[in-house]
């Protein structure tokens, strides 16, 4: 296989794994937040804020990984 083809395959696999990892991470964050809110409803507001911040950090890391994968092609 030529080097160009391997660059495209690697970039596609890297981007796909980054997105799958982000989906799993955000899903775990949401499940943990709902579990915490069900156990202690009085702290649901604080838990929601913490969940949103953690999800934003996961998405930021995912966008960074996607940019790196796109830069591999160029």
PDB file of N, CA and C in Angstrom:
ATOM      1  N   UNK A   1       0.848  -1.186   0.000  1.00  0.00           N
ATOM      2  CA  UNK A   1       0.000   0.000   0.000  1.00  0.00           C
ATOM      3  C   UNK A   1       0.888   1.241   0.000  1.00  0.00           C
ATOM      4  N   UNK A   2       0.389   2.240  -0.610  1.00  0.00           N
ATOM      5  CA  UNK A   2       1.145   3.473  -0.657  1.00  0.00           C
ATOM      6  C   UNK A   2       0.991   4.242   0.641  1.00  0.00           C
ATOM      7  N   UNK A   3       1.906   5.149   0.867  1.00  0.00           N
ATOM      8  CA  UNK A   3       1.913   5.936   2.097  1.00  0.00           C
ATOM      9  C   UNK A   3       0.674   6.816   2.202  1.00  0.00           C
ATOM     10  N   UNK A   4       0.202   7.339   1.083  1.00  0.00           N
ATOM     11  CA  UNK A   4      -0.987   8.201   1.096  1.00  0.00           C
ATOM     12  C   UNK A   4      -2.220   7.440   1.586  1.00  0.00           C
ATOM     13  N   UNK A   5      -2.368   6.217   1.142  1.00  0.00           N
ATOM     14  CA  UNK A   5      -3.514   5.410   1.540  1.00  0.00           C
ATOM     15  C   UNK A   5      -3.462   5.115   3.035  1.00  0.00           C
ATOM     16  N   UNK A   6      -2.277   4.795   3.538  1.00  0.00           N
ATOM     17  CA  UNK A   6      -2.125   4.518   4.967  1.00  0.00           C
ATOM     18  C   UNK A   6      -2.402   5.755   5.817  1.00  0.00           C
ATOM     19  N   UNK A   7      -2.061   6.940   5.309  1.00  0.00           N
ATOM     20  CA  UNK A   7      -2.365   8.174   6.041  1.00  0.00           C
ATOM     21  C   UNK A   7      -3.872   8.363   6.183  1.00  0.00           C
ATOM     22  N   UNK A   8      -4.603   8.104   5.120  1.00  0.00           N
ATOM     23  CA  UNK A   8      -6.057   8.251   5.170  1.00  0.00           C
ATOM     24  C   UNK A   8      -6.698   7.218   6.095  1.00  0.00           C
ATOM     25  N   UNK A   9      -6.213   6.002   6.038  1.00  0.00           N
ATOM     26  CA  UNK A   9      -6.760   4.947   6.905  1.00  0.00           C
ATOM     27  C   UNK A   9      -6.478   5.262   8.367  1.00  0.00           C
ATOM     28  N   UNK A  10      -5.254   5.663   8.669  1.00  0.00           N
ATOM     29  CA  UNK A  10      -4.895   5.998  10.043  1.00  0.00           C
ATOM     30  C   UNK A  10      -5.665   7.188  10.571  1.00  0.00           C
ATOM     31  N   UNK A  11      -5.847   8.178   9.727  1.00  0.00           N
ATOM     32  CA  UNK A  11      -6.598   9.357  10.133  1.00  0.00           C
ATOM     33  C   UNK A  11      -8.064   9.018  10.396  1.00  0.00           C
ATOM     34  N   UNK A  12      -8.636   8.202   9.536  1.00  0.00           N
ATOM     35  CA  UNK A  12     -10.030   7.795   9.731  1.00  0.00           C
ATOM     36  C   UNK A  12     -10.225   6.953  10.975  1.00  0.00           C
ATOM     37  N   UNK A  13      -9.305   6.022  11.205  1.00  0.00           N
ATOM     38  CA  UNK A  13      -9.400   5.189  12.408  1.00  0.00           C
ATOM     39  C   UNK A  13      -9.207   6.025  13.677  1.00  0.00           C
ATOM     40  N   UNK A  14      -8.260   6.935  13.646  1.00  0.00           N
ATOM     41  CA  UNK A  14      -8.020   7.784  14.810  1.00  0.00           C
ATOM     42  C   UNK A  14      -9.215   8.663  15.129  1.00  0.00           C
ATOM     43  N   UNK A  15      -9.809   9.259  14.106  1.00  0.00           N
ATOM     44  CA  UNK A  15     -10.978  10.104  14.320  1.00  0.00           C
ATOM     45  C   UNK A  15     -12.157   9.289  14.837  1.00  0.00           C
ATOM     46  N   UNK A  16     -12.346   8.109  14.286  1.00  0.00           N
ATOM     47  CA  UNK A  16     -13.440   7.255  14.733  1.00  0.00           C
ATOM     48  C   UNK A  16     -13.276   6.818  16.175  1.00  0.00           C
ATOM     49  N   UNK A  17     -12.069   6.425  16.554  1.00  0.00           N
ATOM     50  CA  UNK A  17     -11.816   6.021  17.939  1.00  0.00           C
ATOM     51  C   UNK A  17     -11.984   7.187  18.901  1.00  0.00           C
ATOM     52  N   UNK A  18     -11.583   8.387  18.477  1.00  0.00           N
ATOM     53  CA  UNK A  18     -11.744   9.560  19.338  1.00  0.00           C
ATOM     54  C   UNK A  18     -13.220   9.851  19.592  1.00  0.00           C
ATOM     55  N   UNK A  19     -14.023   9.754  18.565  1.00  0.00           N
ATOM     56  CA  UNK A  19     -15.453  10.032  18.717  1.00  0.00           C
ATOM     57  C   UNK A  19     -16.140   8.948  19.546  1.00  0.00           C
ATOM     58  N   UNK A  20     -15.769   7.704  19.331  1.00  0.00           N
ATOM     59  CA  UNK A  20     -16.352   6.612  20.131  1.00  0.00           C
ATOM     60  C   UNK A  20     -15.976   6.780  21.600  1.00  0.00           C
ATOM     61  N   UNK A  21     -14.716   7.111  21.855  1.00  0.00           N
ATOM     62  CA  UNK A  21     -14.276   7.326  23.234  1.00  0.00           C
ATOM     63  C   UNK A  21     -15.001   8.476  23.901  1.00  0.00           C
ATOM     64  N   UNK A  22     -15.227   9.547  23.159  1.00  0.00           N
ATOM     65  CA  UNK A  22     -15.958  10.678  23.716  1.00  0.00           C
ATOM     66  C   UNK A  22     -17.406  10.312  24.022  1.00  0.00           C
ATOM     67  N   UNK A  23     -18.018   9.558  23.137  1.00  0.00           N
ATOM     68  CA  UNK A  23     -19.399   9.131  23.386  1.00  0.00           C
ATOM     69  C   UNK A  23     -19.518   8.270  24.622  1.00  0.00           C
ATOM     70  N   UNK A  24     -18.579   7.345  24.774  1.00  0.00           N
ATOM     71  CA  UNK A  24     -18.588   6.495  25.966  1.00  0.00           C
ATOM     72  C   UNK A  24     -18.324   7.312  27.232  1.00  0.00           C
ATOM     73  N   UNK A  25     -17.385   8.243  27.153  1.00  0.00           N
ATOM     74  CA  UNK A  25     -17.063   9.068  28.314  1.00  0.00           C
ATOM     75  C   UNK A  25     -18.222   9.948  28.747  1.00  0.00           C
ATOM     76  N   UNK A  26     -18.863  10.591  27.805  1.00  0.00           N
ATOM     77  CA  UNK A  26     -19.996  11.457  28.136  1.00  0.00           C
ATOM     78  C   UNK A  26     -21.167  10.618  28.637  1.00  0.00           C
ATOM     79  N   UNK A  27     -21.345   9.428  28.103  1.00  0.00           N
ATOM     80  CA  UNK A  27     -22.395   8.537  28.596  1.00  0.00           C
ATOM     81  C   UNK A  27     -22.161   8.136  30.042  1.00  0.00           C
ATOM     82  N   UNK A  28     -20.903   7.828  30.380  1.00  0.00           N
ATOM     83  CA  UNK A  28     -20.587   7.476  31.768  1.00  0.00           C
ATOM     84  C   UNK A  28     -20.778   8.672  32.694  1.00  0.00           C
ATOM     85  N   UNK A  29     -20.421   9.859  32.220  1.00  0.00           N
ATOM     86  CA  UNK A  29     -20.613  11.072  33.029  1.00  0.00           C
ATOM     87  C   UNK A  29     -22.093  11.289  33.297  1.00  0.00           C
ATOM     88  N   UNK A  30     -22.920  11.158  32.276  1.00  0.00           N
ATOM     89  CA  UNK A  30     -24.363  11.344  32.443  1.00  0.00           C
ATOM     90  C   UNK A  30     -24.977  10.308  33.371  1.00  0.00           C
ATOM     91  N   UNK A  31     -24.557   9.060  33.228  1.00  0.00           N
ATOM     92  CA  UNK A  31     -25.086   8.004  34.092  1.00  0.00           C
ATOM     93  C   UNK A  31     -24.702   8.245  35.548  1.00  0.00           C
ATOM     94  N   UNK A  32     -23.470   8.651  35.782  1.00  0.00           N
ATOM     95  CA  UNK A  32     -23.024   8.907  37.152  1.00  0.00           C
ATOM     96  C   UNK A  32     -23.758  10.107  37.746  1.00  0.00           C
ATOM     97  N   UNK A  33     -24.003  11.127  36.935  1.00  0.00           N
ATOM     98  CA  UNK A  33     -24.713  12.310  37.439  1.00  0.00           C
ATOM     99  C   UNK A  33     -26.158  11.971  37.780  1.00  0.00           C
ATOM    100  N   UNK A  34     -26.803  11.178  36.950  1.00  0.00           N
ATOM    101  CA  UNK A  34     -28.183  10.794  37.251  1.00  0.00           C
ATOM    102  C   UNK A  34     -28.252   9.913  38.490  1.00  0.00           C
ATOM    103  N   UNK A  35     -27.276   9.042  38.658  1.00  0.00           N
ATOM    104  CA  UNK A  35     -27.227   8.200  39.841  1.00  0.00           C
ATOM    105  C   UNK A  35     -27.026   9.053  41.099  1.00  0.00           C
ATOM    106  N   UNK A  36     -26.137  10.035  41.010  1.00  0.00           N
ATOM    107  CA  UNK A  36     -25.898  10.912  42.157  1.00  0.00           C
ATOM    108  C   UNK A  36     -27.139  11.738  42.481  1.00  0.00           C
ATOM    109  N   UNK A  37     -27.841  12.222  41.470  1.00  0.00           N
ATOM    110  CA  UNK A  37     -29.047  13.016  41.703  1.00  0.00           C
ATOM    111  C   UNK A  37     -30.170  12.159  42.280  1.00  0.00           C
ATOM    112  N   UNK A  38     -30.206  10.889  41.902  1.00  0.00           N
ATOM    113  CA  UNK A  38     -31.238   9.999  42.443  1.00  0.00           C
ATOM    114  C   UNK A  38     -30.962   9.668  43.909  1.00  0.00           C
ATOM    115  N   UNK A  39     -29.685   9.577  44.259  1.00  0.00           N
ATOM    116  CA  UNK A  39     -29.347   9.258  45.647  1.00  0.00           C
ATOM    117  C   UNK A  39     -29.516  10.459  46.575  1.00  0.00           C
ATOM    118  N   UNK A  40     -29.129  11.645  46.096  1.00  0.00           N
ATOM    119  CA  UNK A  40     -29.241  12.857  46.897  1.00  0.00           C
ATOM    120  C   UNK A  40     -29.846  13.967  46.037  1.00  0.00           C
ATOM    121  N   UNK A  41     -31.154  14.076  46.008  1.00  0.00           N
ATOM    122  CA  UNK A  41     -31.803  15.070  45.147  1.00  0.00           C
ATOM    123  C   UNK A  41     -31.457  16.519  45.496  1.00  0.00           C
ATOM    124  N   UNK A  42     -31.047  16.776  46.739  1.00  0.00           N
ATOM    125  CA  UNK A  42     -30.761  18.157  47.123  1.00  0.00           C
ATOM    126  C   UNK A  42     -29.476  18.702  46.486  1.00  0.00           C
ATOM    127  N   UNK A  43     -28.609  17.850  45.980  1.00  0.00           N
ATOM    128  CA  UNK A  43     -27.388  18.317  45.324  1.00  0.00           C
ATOM    129  C   UNK A  43     -27.447  18.135  43.802  1.00  0.00           C
ATOM    130  N   UNK A  44     -28.639  17.996  43.279  1.00  0.00           N
ATOM    131  CA  UNK A  44     -28.786  17.757  41.839  1.00  0.00           C
ATOM    132  C   UNK A  44     -28.280  18.944  41.017  1.00  0.00           C
ATOM    133  N   UNK A  45     -28.480  20.158  41.498  1.00  0.00           N
ATOM    134  CA  UNK A  45     -28.029  21.343  40.762  1.00  0.00           C
ATOM    135  C   UNK A  45     -26.516  21.399  40.645  1.00  0.00           C
ATOM    136  N   UNK A  46     -25.836  21.141  41.752  1.00  0.00           N
ATOM    137  CA  UNK A  46     -24.373  21.150  41.749  1.00  0.00           C
ATOM    138  C   UNK A  46     -23.843  20.019  40.877  1.00  0.00           C
ATOM    139  N   UNK A  47     -24.493  18.874  40.963  1.00  0.00           N
ATOM    140  CA  UNK A  47     -24.069  17.727  40.154  1.00  0.00           C
ATOM    141  C   UNK A  47     -24.242  18.027  38.671  1.00  0.00           C
ATOM    142  N   UNK A  48     -25.312  18.714  38.308  1.00  0.00           N
ATOM    143  CA  UNK A  48     -25.560  19.053  36.904  1.00  0.00           C
ATOM    144  C   UNK A  48     -24.465  19.982  36.381  1.00  0.00           C
ATOM    145  N   UNK A  49     -24.087  20.973  37.179  1.00  0.00           N
ATOM    146  CA  UNK A  49     -23.042  21.902  36.750  1.00  0.00           C
ATOM    147  C   UNK A  49     -21.716  21.166  36.557  1.00  0.00           C
ATOM    148  N   UNK A  50     -21.382  20.305  37.507  1.00  0.00           N
ATOM    149  CA  UNK A  50     -20.143  19.530  37.409  1.00  0.00           C
ATOM    150  C   UNK A  50     -20.171  18.615  36.193  1.00  0.00           C
ATOM    151  N   UNK A  51     -21.322  18.021  35.915  1.00  0.00           N
ATOM    152  CA  UNK A  51     -21.458  17.142  34.759  1.00  0.00           C
ATOM    153  C   UNK A  51     -21.236  17.913  33.463  1.00  0.00           C
ATOM    154  N   UNK A  52     -21.791  19.098  33.354  1.00  0.00           N
ATOM    155  CA  UNK A  52     -21.643  19.893  32.133  1.00  0.00           C
ATOM    156  C   UNK A  52     -20.190  20.291  31.925  1.00  0.00           C
ATOM    157  N   UNK A  53     -19.496  20.665  32.996  1.00  0.00           N
ATOM    158  CA  UNK A  53     -18.083  21.024  32.879  1.00  0.00           C
ATOM    159  C   UNK A  53     -17.257  19.821  32.447  1.00  0.00           C
ATOM    160  N   UNK A  54     -17.503  18.670  33.042  1.00  0.00           N
ATOM    161  CA  UNK A  54     -16.751  17.464  32.671  1.00  0.00           C
ATOM    162  C   UNK A  54     -17.030  17.061  31.228  1.00  0.00           C
ATOM    163  N   UNK A  55     -18.281  17.163  30.802  1.00  0.00           N
ATOM    164  CA  UNK A  55     -18.616  16.821  29.411  1.00  0.00           C
ATOM    165  C   UNK A  55     -17.946  17.792  28.439  1.00  0.00           C
ATOM    166  N   UNK A  56     -17.867  19.063  28.806  1.00  0.00           N
ATOM    167  CA  UNK A  56     -17.197  20.039  27.941  1.00  0.00           C
ATOM    168  C   UNK A  56     -15.708  19.727  27.826  1.00  0.00           C
ATOM    169  N   UNK A  57     -15.087  19.296  28.916  1.00  0.00           N
ATOM    170  CA  UNK A  57     -13.673  18.927  28.855  1.00  0.00           C
ATOM    171  C   UNK A  57     -13.454  17.705  27.968  1.00  0.00           C
ATOM    172  N   UNK A  58     -14.349  16.745  28.041  1.00  0.00           N
ATOM    173  CA  UNK A  58     -14.233  15.551  27.185  1.00  0.00           C
ATOM    174  C   UNK A  58     -14.402  15.942  25.722  1.00  0.00           C
ATOM    175  N   UNK A  59     -15.355  16.810  25.433  1.00  0.00           N
ATOM    176  CA  UNK A  59     -15.562  17.241  24.049  1.00  0.00           C
ATOM    177  C   UNK A  59     -14.376  18.049  23.541  1.00  0.00           C
ATOM    178  N   UNK A  60     -13.780  18.854  24.407  1.00  0.00           N
ATOM    179  CA  UNK A  60     -12.597  19.616  24.002  1.00  0.00           C
ATOM    180  C   UNK A  60     -11.450  18.708  23.627  1.00  0.00           C
ATOM    181  N   UNK A  61     -11.226  17.678  24.417  1.00  0.00           N
ATOM    182  CA  UNK A  61     -10.165  16.716  24.100  1.00  0.00           C
ATOM    183  C   UNK A  61     -10.481  15.979  22.801  1.00  0.00           C
ATOM    184  N   UNK A  62     -11.753  15.704  22.569  1.00  0.00           N
ATOM    185  CA  UNK A  62     -12.155  15.023  21.335  1.00  0.00           C
ATOM    186  C   UNK A  62     -11.908  15.905  20.118  1.00  0.00           C
ATOM    187  N   UNK A  63     -12.255  17.178  20.218  1.00  0.00           N
ATOM    188  CA  UNK A  63     -12.008  18.084  19.091  1.00  0.00           C
ATOM    189  C   UNK A  63     -10.517  18.215  18.813  1.00  0.00           C
ATOM    190  N   UNK A  64      -9.711  18.230  19.877  1.00  0.00           N
ATOM    191  CA  UNK A  64      -8.257  18.271  19.700  1.00  0.00           C
ATOM    192  C   UNK A  64      -7.777  17.027  18.946  1.00  0.00           C
ATOM    193  N   UNK A  65      -8.281  15.866  19.329  1.00  0.00           N
ATOM    194  CA  UNK A  65      -7.894  14.622  18.662  1.00  0.00           C
ATOM    195  C   UNK A  65      -8.340  14.626  17.196  1.00  0.00           C
ATOM    196  N   UNK A  66      -9.525  15.154  16.927  1.00  0.00           N
ATOM    197  CA  UNK A  66     -10.000  15.208  15.541  1.00  0.00           C
ATOM    198  C   UNK A  66      -9.146  16.132  14.694  1.00  0.00           C
ATOM    199  N   UNK A  67      -8.727  17.256  15.263  1.00  0.00           N
ATOM    200  CA  UNK A  67      -7.870  18.181  14.529  1.00  0.00           C
ATOM    201  C   UNK A  67      -6.523  17.533  14.229  1.00  0.00           C
ATOM    202  N   UNK A  68      -5.979  16.821  15.203  1.00  0.00           N
ATOM    203  CA  UNK A  68      -4.713  16.121  14.973  1.00  0.00           C
ATOM    204  C   UNK A  68      -4.876  15.080  13.867  1.00  0.00           C
ATOM    205  N   UNK A  69      -5.988  14.353  13.868  1.00  0.00           N
ATOM    206  CA  UNK A  69      -6.228  13.351  12.814  1.00  0.00           C
ATOM    207  C   UNK A  69      -6.367  14.009  11.453  1.00  0.00           C
ATOM    208  N   UNK A  70      -7.001  15.153  11.384  1.00  0.00           N
ATOM    209  CA  UNK A  70      -7.125  15.852  10.101  1.00  0.00           C
ATOM    210  C   UNK A  70      -5.784  16.410   9.644  1.00  0.00           C
ATOM    211  N   UNK A  71      -4.955  16.825  10.593  1.00  0.00           N
ATOM    212  CA  UNK A  71      -3.643  17.345  10.223  1.00  0.00           C
ATOM    213  C   UNK A  71      -2.726  16.243   9.692  1.00  0.00           C
ATOM    214  N   UNK A  72      -2.981  14.994  10.090  1.00  0.00           N
ATOM    215  CA  UNK A  72      -2.171  13.885   9.586  1.00  0.00           C
ATOM    216  C   UNK A  72      -2.337  13.729   8.073  1.00  0.00           C
ATOM    217  N   UNK A  73      -3.485  14.065   7.573  1.00  0.00           N
ATOM    218  CA  UNK A  73      -3.757  13.900   6.146  1.00  0.00           C
ATOM    219  C   UNK A  73      -3.014  14.952   5.331  1.00  0.00           C
ATOM    220  N   UNK A  74      -2.890  16.127   5.889  1.00  0.00           N
ATOM    221  CA  UNK A  74      -2.253  17.216   5.118  1.00  0.00           C
ATOM    222  C   UNK A  74      -0.793  17.067   5.039  1.00  0.00           C
TER     223      UNK A  74
END
